Amino acid sequence: MRIYDSNNQAALEDLRGSNIELMIGIPNDALQNIASNQTNANSWVQNNIRNYGNVRFRYVAVGNEVNPAGSTAQFVLPAMRNILNAISAAGLGN
């Protein structure tokens, strides 16, 4: 299952204990914030993954159909790095 916007807490609550594997997305409008600061990425992981410990997160999609020529494209790779670091620091890197 995929949730495109991590602000959908109701769906995350419904998935608790369901054993359904989930891909959760970071919306394009959040990429700059996450790319600019590791603390922001750590907070995102805490609020959207760690707070839902009994949801089976399988993947984190960083952005959605980002236009390579658009202004958001420059933030994709730094955001990916920061999210990977945050996941690893949280002990969730498996």
PDB file of N, CA and C in Angstrom:
ATOM      1  N   MET A   1       0.853  -1.164   0.000  1.00  0.00           N
ATOM      2  CA  MET A   1       0.000   0.000   0.000  1.00  0.00           C
ATOM      3  C   MET A   1       0.901   1.230   0.000  1.00  0.00           C
ATOM      4  N   ARG A   2       0.399   2.307  -0.591  1.00  0.00           N
ATOM      5  CA  ARG A   2       1.166   3.550  -0.607  1.00  0.00           C
ATOM      6  C   ARG A   2       0.297   4.700  -0.103  1.00  0.00           C
ATOM      7  N   ILE A   3       0.892   5.493   0.766  1.00  0.00           N
ATOM      8  CA  ILE A   3       0.296   6.749   1.207  1.00  0.00           C
ATOM      9  C   ILE A   3       1.183   7.851   0.653  1.00  0.00           C
ATOM     10  N   TYR A   4       0.621   8.699  -0.191  1.00  0.00           N
ATOM     11  CA  TYR A   4       1.414   9.728  -0.857  1.00  0.00           C
ATOM     12  C   TYR A   4       1.778  10.884   0.055  1.00  0.00           C
ATOM     13  N   ASP A   5       0.983  11.129   1.054  1.00  0.00           N
ATOM     14  CA  ASP A   5       1.215  12.273   1.932  1.00  0.00           C
ATOM     15  C   ASP A   5       1.259  11.790   3.371  1.00  0.00           C
ATOM     16  N   SER A   6       2.375  12.011   4.006  1.00  0.00           N
ATOM     17  CA  SER A   6       2.560  11.535   5.377  1.00  0.00           C
ATOM     18  C   SER A   6       1.680  12.259   6.385  1.00  0.00           C
ATOM     19  N   ASN A   7       0.959  13.288   5.963  1.00  0.00           N
ATOM     20  CA  ASN A   7       0.066  14.001   6.873  1.00  0.00           C
ATOM     21  C   ASN A   7      -1.257  13.272   7.087  1.00  0.00           C
ATOM     22  N   ASN A   8      -1.370  12.066   6.583  1.00  0.00           N
ATOM     23  CA  ASN A   8      -2.598  11.292   6.701  1.00  0.00           C
ATOM     24  C   ASN A   8      -2.526  10.387   7.932  1.00  0.00           C
ATOM     25  N   GLN A   9      -2.589  10.998   9.109  1.00  0.00           N
ATOM     26  CA  GLN A   9      -2.472  10.234  10.357  1.00  0.00           C
ATOM     27  C   GLN A   9      -3.605   9.238  10.539  1.00  0.00           C
ATOM     28  N   ALA A  10      -4.791   9.538  10.020  1.00  0.00           N
ATOM     29  CA  ALA A  10      -5.918   8.608  10.164  1.00  0.00           C
ATOM     30  C   ALA A  10      -5.611   7.286   9.472  1.00  0.00           C
ATOM     31  N   ALA A  11      -5.027   7.339   8.292  1.00  0.00           N
ATOM     32  CA  ALA A  11      -4.670   6.104   7.583  1.00  0.00           C
ATOM     33  C   ALA A  11      -3.591   5.339   8.336  1.00  0.00           C
ATOM     34  N   LEU A  12      -2.616   6.066   8.873  1.00  0.00           N
ATOM     35  CA  LEU A  12      -1.554   5.401   9.639  1.00  0.00           C
ATOM     36  C   LEU A  12      -2.130   4.730  10.878  1.00  0.00           C
ATOM     37  N   GLU A  13      -3.045   5.386  11.547  1.00  0.00           N
ATOM     38  CA  GLU A  13      -3.699   4.784  12.718  1.00  0.00           C
ATOM     39  C   GLU A  13      -4.444   3.510  12.316  1.00  0.00           C
ATOM     40  N   ASP A  14      -5.141   3.560  11.182  1.00  0.00           N
ATOM     41  CA  ASP A  14      -5.899   2.398  10.722  1.00  0.00           C
ATOM     42  C   ASP A  14      -5.006   1.221  10.367  1.00  0.00           C
ATOM     43  N   LEU A  15      -3.765   1.489   9.985  1.00  0.00           N
ATOM     44  CA  LEU A  15      -2.844   0.425   9.589  1.00  0.00           C
ATOM     45  C   LEU A  15      -2.114  -0.212  10.767  1.00  0.00           C
ATOM     46  N   ARG A  16      -2.264   0.338  11.947  1.00  0.00           N
ATOM     47  CA  ARG A  16      -1.591  -0.235  13.123  1.00  0.00           C
ATOM     48  C   ARG A  16      -1.984  -1.703  13.292  1.00  0.00           C
ATOM     49  N   GLY A  17      -0.967  -2.548  13.385  1.00  0.00           N
ATOM     50  CA  GLY A  17      -1.198  -3.967  13.640  1.00  0.00           C
ATOM     51  C   GLY A  17      -1.782  -4.739  12.471  1.00  0.00           C
ATOM     52  N   SER A  18      -1.889  -4.120  11.307  1.00  0.00           N
ATOM     53  CA  SER A  18      -2.552  -4.773  10.172  1.00  0.00           C
ATOM     54  C   SER A  18      -1.645  -5.736   9.407  1.00  0.00           C
ATOM     55  N   ASN A  19      -0.345  -5.616   9.575  1.00  0.00           N
ATOM     56  CA  ASN A  19       0.634  -6.431   8.861  1.00  0.00           C
ATOM     57  C   ASN A  19       0.688  -6.106   7.362  1.00  0.00           C
ATOM     58  N   ILE A  20       0.096  -4.999   6.950  1.00  0.00           N
ATOM     59  CA  ILE A  20       0.169  -4.534   5.560  1.00  0.00           C
ATOM     60  C   ILE A  20       1.442  -3.714   5.406  1.00  0.00           C
ATOM     61  N   GLU A  21       2.251  -4.048   4.416  1.00  0.00           N
ATOM     62  CA  GLU A  21       3.466  -3.286   4.169  1.00  0.00           C
ATOM     63  C   GLU A  21       3.110  -1.968   3.491  1.00  0.00           C
ATOM     64  N   LEU A  22       3.806  -0.918   3.903  1.00  0.00           N
ATOM     65  CA  LEU A  22       3.436   0.431   3.488  1.00  0.00           C
ATOM     66  C   LEU A  22       4.618   1.185   2.897  1.00  0.00           C
ATOM     67  N   MET A  23       4.341   1.913   1.840  1.00  0.00           N
ATOM     68  CA  MET A  23       5.270   2.912   1.315  1.00  0.00           C
ATOM     69  C   MET A  23       4.662   4.255   1.685  1.00  0.00           C
ATOM     70  N   ILE A  24       5.423   5.059   2.399  1.00  0.00           N
ATOM     71  CA  ILE A  24       4.952   6.377   2.801  1.00  0.00           C
ATOM     72  C   ILE A  24       5.745   7.427   2.035  1.00  0.00           C
ATOM     73  N   GLY A  25       5.060   8.479   1.635  1.00  0.00           N
ATOM     74  CA  GLY A  25       5.700   9.502   0.825  1.00  0.00           C
ATOM     75  C   GLY A  25       5.928  10.802   1.562  1.00  0.00           C
ATOM     76  N   ILE A  26       7.009  11.440   1.186  1.00  0.00           N
ATOM     77  CA  ILE A  26       7.287  12.804   1.644  1.00  0.00           C
ATOM     78  C   ILE A  26       6.853  13.721   0.508  1.00  0.00           C
ATOM     79  N   PRO A  27       5.894  14.601   0.745  1.00  0.00           N
ATOM     80  CA  PRO A  27       5.396  15.453  -0.337  1.00  0.00           C
ATOM     81  C   PRO A  27       6.475  16.409  -0.852  1.00  0.00           C
ATOM     82  N   ASN A  28       6.342  16.784  -2.102  1.00  0.00           N
ATOM     83  CA  ASN A  28       7.320  17.674  -2.744  1.00  0.00           C
ATOM     84  C   ASN A  28       7.498  18.982  -1.983  1.00  0.00           C
ATOM     85  N   ASP A  29       6.424  19.483  -1.407  1.00  0.00           N
ATOM     86  CA  ASP A  29       6.536  20.769  -0.706  1.00  0.00           C
ATOM     87  C   ASP A  29       7.302  20.672   0.609  1.00  0.00           C
ATOM     88  N   ALA A  30       7.645  19.458   1.044  1.00  0.00           N
ATOM     89  CA  ALA A  30       8.435  19.281   2.263  1.00  0.00           C
ATOM     90  C   ALA A  30       9.913  19.007   1.969  1.00  0.00           C
ATOM     91  N   LEU A  31      10.263  18.832   0.708  1.00  0.00           N
ATOM     92  CA  LEU A  31      11.636  18.438   0.370  1.00  0.00           C
ATOM     93  C   LEU A  31      12.673  19.470   0.780  1.00  0.00           C
ATOM     94  N   GLN A  32      12.410  20.725   0.525  1.00  0.00           N
ATOM     95  CA  GLN A  32      13.392  21.761   0.861  1.00  0.00           C
ATOM     96  C   GLN A  32      13.655  21.788   2.363  1.00  0.00           C
ATOM     97  N   ASN A  33      12.618  21.686   3.157  1.00  0.00           N
ATOM     98  CA  ASN A  33      12.757  21.690   4.606  1.00  0.00           C
ATOM     99  C   ASN A  33      13.596  20.507   5.094  1.00  0.00           C
ATOM    100  N   ILE A  34      13.340  19.338   4.564  1.00  0.00           N
ATOM    101  CA  ILE A  34      14.059  18.138   4.981  1.00  0.00           C
ATOM    102  C   ILE A  34      15.491  18.149   4.453  1.00  0.00           C
ATOM    103  N   ALA A  35      15.679  18.673   3.250  1.00  0.00           N
ATOM    104  CA  ALA A  35      17.020  18.730   2.663  1.00  0.00           C
ATOM    105  C   ALA A  35      17.911  19.727   3.378  1.00  0.00           C
ATOM    106  N   SER A  36      17.318  20.765   3.934  1.00  0.00           N
ATOM    107  CA  SER A  36      18.107  21.859   4.499  1.00  0.00           C
ATOM    108  C   SER A  36      18.671  21.576   5.880  1.00  0.00           C
ATOM    109  N   ASN A  37      18.132  20.563   6.573  1.00  0.00           N
ATOM    110  CA  ASN A  37      18.515  20.403   7.967  1.00  0.00           C
ATOM    111  C   ASN A  37      18.292  18.961   8.413  1.00  0.00           C
ATOM    112  N   GLN A  38      19.321  18.321   8.953  1.00  0.00           N
ATOM    113  CA  GLN A  38      19.191  16.949   9.438  1.00  0.00           C
ATOM    114  C   GLN A  38      18.167  16.846  10.563  1.00  0.00           C
ATOM    115  N   THR A  39      18.092  17.863  11.389  1.00  0.00           N
ATOM    116  CA  THR A  39      17.114  17.853  12.485  1.00  0.00           C
ATOM    117  C   THR A  39      15.691  17.763  11.954  1.00  0.00           C
ATOM    118  N   ASN A  40      15.425  18.442  10.847  1.00  0.00           N
ATOM    119  CA  ASN A  40      14.092  18.364  10.242  1.00  0.00           C
ATOM    120  C   ASN A  40      13.792  16.957   9.753  1.00  0.00           C
ATOM    121  N   ALA A  41      14.786  16.307   9.161  1.00  0.00           N
ATOM    122  CA  ALA A  41      14.609  14.926   8.715  1.00  0.00           C
ATOM    123  C   ALA A  41      14.397  13.997   9.909  1.00  0.00           C
ATOM    124  N   ASN A  42      15.161  14.205  10.967  1.00  0.00           N
ATOM    125  CA  ASN A  42      14.988  13.395  12.178  1.00  0.00           C
ATOM    126  C   ASN A  42      13.579  13.556  12.742  1.00  0.00           C
ATOM    127  N   SER A  43      13.086  14.773  12.750  1.00  0.00           N
ATOM    128  CA  SER A  43      11.731  15.038  13.241  1.00  0.00           C
ATOM    129  C   SER A  43      10.689  14.361  12.362  1.00  0.00           C
ATOM    130  N   TRP A  44      10.903  14.418  11.042  1.00  0.00           N
ATOM    131  CA  TRP A  44       9.954  13.771  10.131  1.00  0.00           C
ATOM    132  C   TRP A  44       9.891  12.271  10.404  1.00  0.00           C
ATOM    133  N   VAL A  45      11.048  11.636  10.557  1.00  0.00           N
ATOM    134  CA  VAL A  45      11.080  10.195  10.843  1.00  0.00           C
ATOM    135  C   VAL A  45      10.416   9.901  12.183  1.00  0.00           C
ATOM    136  N   GLN A  46      10.669  10.718  13.181  1.00  0.00           N
ATOM    137  CA  GLN A  46      10.043  10.519  14.487  1.00  0.00           C
ATOM    138  C   GLN A  46       8.521  10.633  14.382  1.00  0.00           C
ATOM    139  N   ASN A  47       8.054  11.678  13.733  1.00  0.00           N
ATOM    140  CA  ASN A  47       6.612  11.960  13.685  1.00  0.00           C
ATOM    141  C   ASN A  47       5.833  11.040  12.759  1.00  0.00           C
ATOM    142  N   ASN A  48       6.484  10.533  11.732  1.00  0.00           N
ATOM    143  CA  ASN A  48       5.747   9.794  10.714  1.00  0.00           C
ATOM    144  C   ASN A  48       6.082   8.314  10.644  1.00  0.00           C
ATOM    145  N   ILE A  49       7.151   7.890  11.302  1.00  0.00           N
ATOM    146  CA  ILE A  49       7.503   6.466  11.296  1.00  0.00           C
ATOM    147  C   ILE A  49       7.604   5.929  12.719  1.00  0.00           C
ATOM    148  N   ARG A  50       8.464   6.510  13.515  1.00  0.00           N
ATOM    149  CA  ARG A  50       8.675   5.978  14.877  1.00  0.00           C
ATOM    150  C   ARG A  50       7.415   6.052  15.723  1.00  0.00           C
ATOM    151  N   ASN A  51       6.610   7.077  15.540  1.00  0.00           N
ATOM    152  CA  ASN A  51       5.374   7.194  16.322  1.00  0.00           C
ATOM    153  C   ASN A  51       4.336   6.137  15.948  1.00  0.00           C
ATOM    154  N   TYR A  52       4.604   5.402  14.895  1.00  0.00           N
ATOM    155  CA  TYR A  52       3.696   4.338  14.444  1.00  0.00           C
ATOM    156  C   TYR A  52       4.460   3.019  14.418  1.00  0.00           C
ATOM    157  N   GLY A  53       4.942   2.617  15.582  1.00  0.00           N
ATOM    158  CA  GLY A  53       5.820   1.463  15.708  1.00  0.00           C
ATOM    159  C   GLY A  53       5.236   0.150  15.246  1.00  0.00           C
ATOM    160  N   ASN A  54       3.942   0.000  15.259  1.00  0.00           N
ATOM    161  CA  ASN A  54       3.362  -1.272  14.827  1.00  0.00           C
ATOM    162  C   ASN A  54       2.716  -1.170  13.444  1.00  0.00           C
ATOM    163  N   VAL A  55       3.214  -0.215  12.630  1.00  0.00           N
ATOM    164  CA  VAL A  55       2.882  -0.147  11.203  1.00  0.00           C
ATOM    165  C   VAL A  55       4.093  -0.679  10.452  1.00  0.00           C
ATOM    166  N   ARG A  56       3.870  -1.495   9.445  1.00  0.00           N
ATOM    167  CA  ARG A  56       4.968  -2.132   8.697  1.00  0.00           C
ATOM    168  C   ARG A  56       5.408  -1.248   7.535  1.00  0.00           C
ATOM    169  N   PHE A  57       6.286  -0.321   7.838  1.00  0.00           N
ATOM    170  CA  PHE A  57       6.841   0.553   6.805  1.00  0.00           C
ATOM    171  C   PHE A  57       7.858  -0.236   5.996  1.00  0.00           C
ATOM    172  N   ARG A  58       7.703  -0.206   4.694  1.00  0.00           N
ATOM    173  CA  ARG A  58       8.619  -0.923   3.804  1.00  0.00           C
ATOM    174  C   ARG A  58       9.525   0.055   3.053  1.00  0.00           C
ATOM    175  N   TYR A  59       8.953   1.169   2.597  1.00  0.00           N
ATOM    176  CA  TYR A  59       9.706   2.159   1.833  1.00  0.00           C
ATOM    177  C   TYR A  59       9.294   3.561   2.227  1.00  0.00           C
ATOM    178  N   VAL A  60      10.220   4.501   2.019  1.00  0.00           N
ATOM    179  CA  VAL A  60       9.934   5.925   2.128  1.00  0.00           C
ATOM    180  C   VAL A  60      10.225   6.529   0.762  1.00  0.00           C
ATOM    181  N   ALA A  61       9.203   7.106   0.144  1.00  0.00           N
ATOM    182  CA  ALA A  61       9.373   7.787  -1.143  1.00  0.00           C
ATOM    183  C   ALA A  61       9.660   9.257  -0.856  1.00  0.00           C
ATOM    184  N   VAL A  62      10.772   9.728  -1.343  1.00  0.00           N
ATOM    185  CA  VAL A  62      11.173  11.120  -1.113  1.00  0.00           C
ATOM    186  C   VAL A  62      10.785  11.919  -2.347  1.00  0.00           C
ATOM    187  N   GLY A  63       9.648  12.603  -2.256  1.00  0.00           N
ATOM    188  CA  GLY A  63       9.099  13.336  -3.389  1.00  0.00           C
ATOM    189  C   GLY A  63       8.236  12.436  -4.254  1.00  0.00           C
ATOM    190  N   ASN A  64       7.480  13.062  -5.143  1.00  0.00           N
ATOM    191  CA  ASN A  64       6.594  12.330  -6.028  1.00  0.00           C
ATOM    192  C   ASN A  64       6.596  12.995  -7.402  1.00  0.00           C
ATOM    193  N   GLU A  65       7.128  12.276  -8.375  1.00  0.00           N
ATOM    194  CA  GLU A  65       7.187  12.773  -9.747  1.00  0.00           C
ATOM    195  C   GLU A  65       7.775  14.178  -9.824  1.00  0.00           C
ATOM    196  N   VAL A  66       8.923  14.351  -9.195  1.00  0.00           N
ATOM    197  CA  VAL A  66       9.606  15.646  -9.197  1.00  0.00           C
ATOM    198  C   VAL A  66      10.146  15.901 -10.603  1.00  0.00           C
ATOM    199  N   ASN A  67       9.854  17.054 -11.122  1.00  0.00           N
ATOM    200  CA  ASN A  67      10.329  17.452 -12.447  1.00  0.00           C
ATOM    201  C   ASN A  67      11.827  17.753 -12.360  1.00  0.00           C
ATOM    202  N   PRO A  68      12.668  17.041 -13.122  1.00  0.00           N
ATOM    203  CA  PRO A  68      14.115  17.264 -13.054  1.00  0.00           C
ATOM    204  C   PRO A  68      14.529  18.693 -13.417  1.00  0.00           C
ATOM    205  N   ALA A  69      13.698  19.386 -14.165  1.00  0.00           N
ATOM    206  CA  ALA A  69      14.005  20.767 -14.548  1.00  0.00           C
ATOM    207  C   ALA A  69      13.366  21.781 -13.605  1.00  0.00           C
ATOM    208  N   GLY A  70      12.604  21.294 -12.639  1.00  0.00           N
ATOM    209  CA  GLY A  70      11.898  22.186 -11.721  1.00  0.00           C
ATOM    210  C   GLY A  70      12.753  22.620 -10.547  1.00  0.00           C
ATOM    211  N   SER A  71      12.251  23.578  -9.815  1.00  0.00           N
ATOM    212  CA  SER A  71      12.994  24.145  -8.680  1.00  0.00           C
ATOM    213  C   SER A  71      13.130  23.173  -7.510  1.00  0.00           C
ATOM    214  N   THR A  72      12.258  22.181  -7.429  1.00  0.00           N
ATOM    215  CA  THR A  72      12.294  21.227  -6.321  1.00  0.00           C
ATOM    216  C   THR A  72      13.363  20.159  -6.506  1.00  0.00           C
ATOM    217  N   ALA A  73      13.774  19.920  -7.746  1.00  0.00           N
ATOM    218  CA  ALA A  73      14.702  18.817  -8.049  1.00  0.00           C
ATOM    219  C   ALA A  73      15.997  18.905  -7.253  1.00  0.00           C
ATOM    220  N   GLN A  74      16.485  20.097  -7.013  1.00  0.00           N
ATOM    221  CA  GLN A  74      17.754  20.251  -6.300  1.00  0.00           C
ATOM    222  C   GLN A  74      17.703  19.749  -4.861  1.00  0.00           C
ATOM    223  N   PHE A  75      16.513  19.558  -4.335  1.00  0.00           N
ATOM    224  CA  PHE A  75      16.368  19.148  -2.932  1.00  0.00           C
ATOM    225  C   PHE A  75      16.194  17.635  -2.760  1.00  0.00           C
ATOM    226  N   VAL A  76      15.976  16.915  -3.862  1.00  0.00           N
ATOM    227  CA  VAL A  76      15.680  15.482  -3.747  1.00  0.00           C
ATOM    228  C   VAL A  76      16.851  14.713  -3.139  1.00  0.00           C
ATOM    229  N   LEU A  77      18.037  14.822  -3.699  1.00  0.00           N
ATOM    230  CA  LEU A  77      19.175  14.049  -3.198  1.00  0.00           C
ATOM    231  C   LEU A  77      19.548  14.423  -1.761  1.00  0.00           C
ATOM    232  N   PRO A  78      19.655  15.715  -1.398  1.00  0.00           N
ATOM    233  CA  PRO A  78      19.950  16.027   0.008  1.00  0.00           C
ATOM    234  C   PRO A  78      18.855  15.542   0.959  1.00  0.00           C
ATOM    235  N   ALA A  79      17.605  15.592   0.517  1.00  0.00           N
ATOM    236  CA  ALA A  79      16.512  15.095   1.365  1.00  0.00           C
ATOM    237  C   ALA A  79      16.631  13.588   1.537  1.00  0.00           C
ATOM    238  N   MET A  80      16.963  12.885   0.459  1.00  0.00           N
ATOM    239  CA  MET A  80      17.149  11.433   0.553  1.00  0.00           C
ATOM    240  C   MET A  80      18.267  11.082   1.528  1.00  0.00           C
ATOM    241  N   ARG A  81      19.368  11.805   1.438  1.00  0.00           N
ATOM    242  CA  ARG A  81      20.488  11.552   2.354  1.00  0.00           C
ATOM    243  C   ARG A  81      20.070  11.786   3.800  1.00  0.00           C
ATOM    244  N   ASN A  82      19.394  12.896   4.056  1.00  0.00           N
ATOM    245  CA  ASN A  82      18.989  13.213   5.431  1.00  0.00           C
ATOM    246  C   ASN A  82      17.978  12.208   5.967  1.00  0.00           C
ATOM    247  N   ILE A  83      17.050  11.770   5.129  1.00  0.00           N
ATOM    248  CA  ILE A  83      16.078  10.761   5.577  1.00  0.00           C
ATOM    249  C   ILE A  83      16.784   9.440   5.842  1.00  0.00           C
ATOM    250  N   LEU A  84      17.700   9.038   4.988  1.00  0.00           N
ATOM    251  CA  LEU A  84      18.464   7.801   5.220  1.00  0.00           C
ATOM    252  C   LEU A  84      19.231   7.893   6.532  1.00  0.00           C
ATOM    253  N   ASN A  85      19.881   9.026   6.782  1.00  0.00           N
ATOM    254  CA  ASN A  85      20.612   9.212   8.046  1.00  0.00           C
ATOM    255  C   ASN A  85      19.664   9.146   9.237  1.00  0.00           C
ATOM    256  N   ALA A  86      18.495   9.754   9.101  1.00  0.00           N
ATOM    257  CA  ALA A  86      17.518   9.760  10.206  1.00  0.00           C
ATOM    258  C   ALA A  86      16.997   8.357  10.478  1.00  0.00           C
ATOM    259  N   ILE A  87      16.736   7.602   9.419  1.00  0.00           N
ATOM    260  CA  ILE A  87      16.261   6.218   9.581  1.00  0.00           C
ATOM    261  C   ILE A  87      17.335   5.376  10.255  1.00  0.00           C
ATOM    262  N   SER A  88      18.570   5.537   9.822  1.00  0.00           N
ATOM    263  CA  SER A  88      19.681   4.774  10.422  1.00  0.00           C
ATOM    264  C   SER A  88      19.879   5.154  11.880  1.00  0.00           C
ATOM    265  N   ALA A  89      19.848   6.459  12.178  1.00  0.00           N
ATOM    266  CA  ALA A  89      20.031   6.921  13.557  1.00  0.00           C
ATOM    267  C   ALA A  89      18.919   6.430  14.473  1.00  0.00           C
ATOM    268  N   ALA A  90      17.732   6.220  13.902  1.00  0.00           N
ATOM    269  CA  ALA A  90      16.601   5.742  14.688  1.00  0.00           C
ATOM    270  C   ALA A  90      16.633   4.214  14.857  1.00  0.00           C
ATOM    271  N   GLY A  91      17.636   3.563  14.248  1.00  0.00           N
ATOM    272  CA  GLY A  91      17.725   2.115  14.352  1.00  0.00           C
ATOM    273  C   GLY A  91      16.730   1.383  13.491  1.00  0.00           C
ATOM    274  N   LEU A  92      16.276   2.038  12.421  1.00  0.00           N
ATOM    275  CA  LEU A  92      15.251   1.447  11.569  1.00  0.00           C
ATOM    276  C   LEU A  92      15.776   1.093  10.180  1.00  0.00           C
ATOM    277  N   GLY A  93      17.071   1.032  10.006  1.00  0.00           N
ATOM    278  CA  GLY A  93      17.679   0.892   8.699  1.00  0.00           C
ATOM    279  C   GLY A  93      17.656  -0.484   8.071  1.00  0.00           C
ATOM    280  N   ASN A  94      16.882  -1.403   8.556  1.00  0.00           N
ATOM    281  CA  ASN A  94      16.873  -2.755   7.983  1.00  0.00           C
ATOM    282  C   ASN A  94      15.917  -2.854   6.835  1.00  0.00           C
TER     283      ASN A  94
END
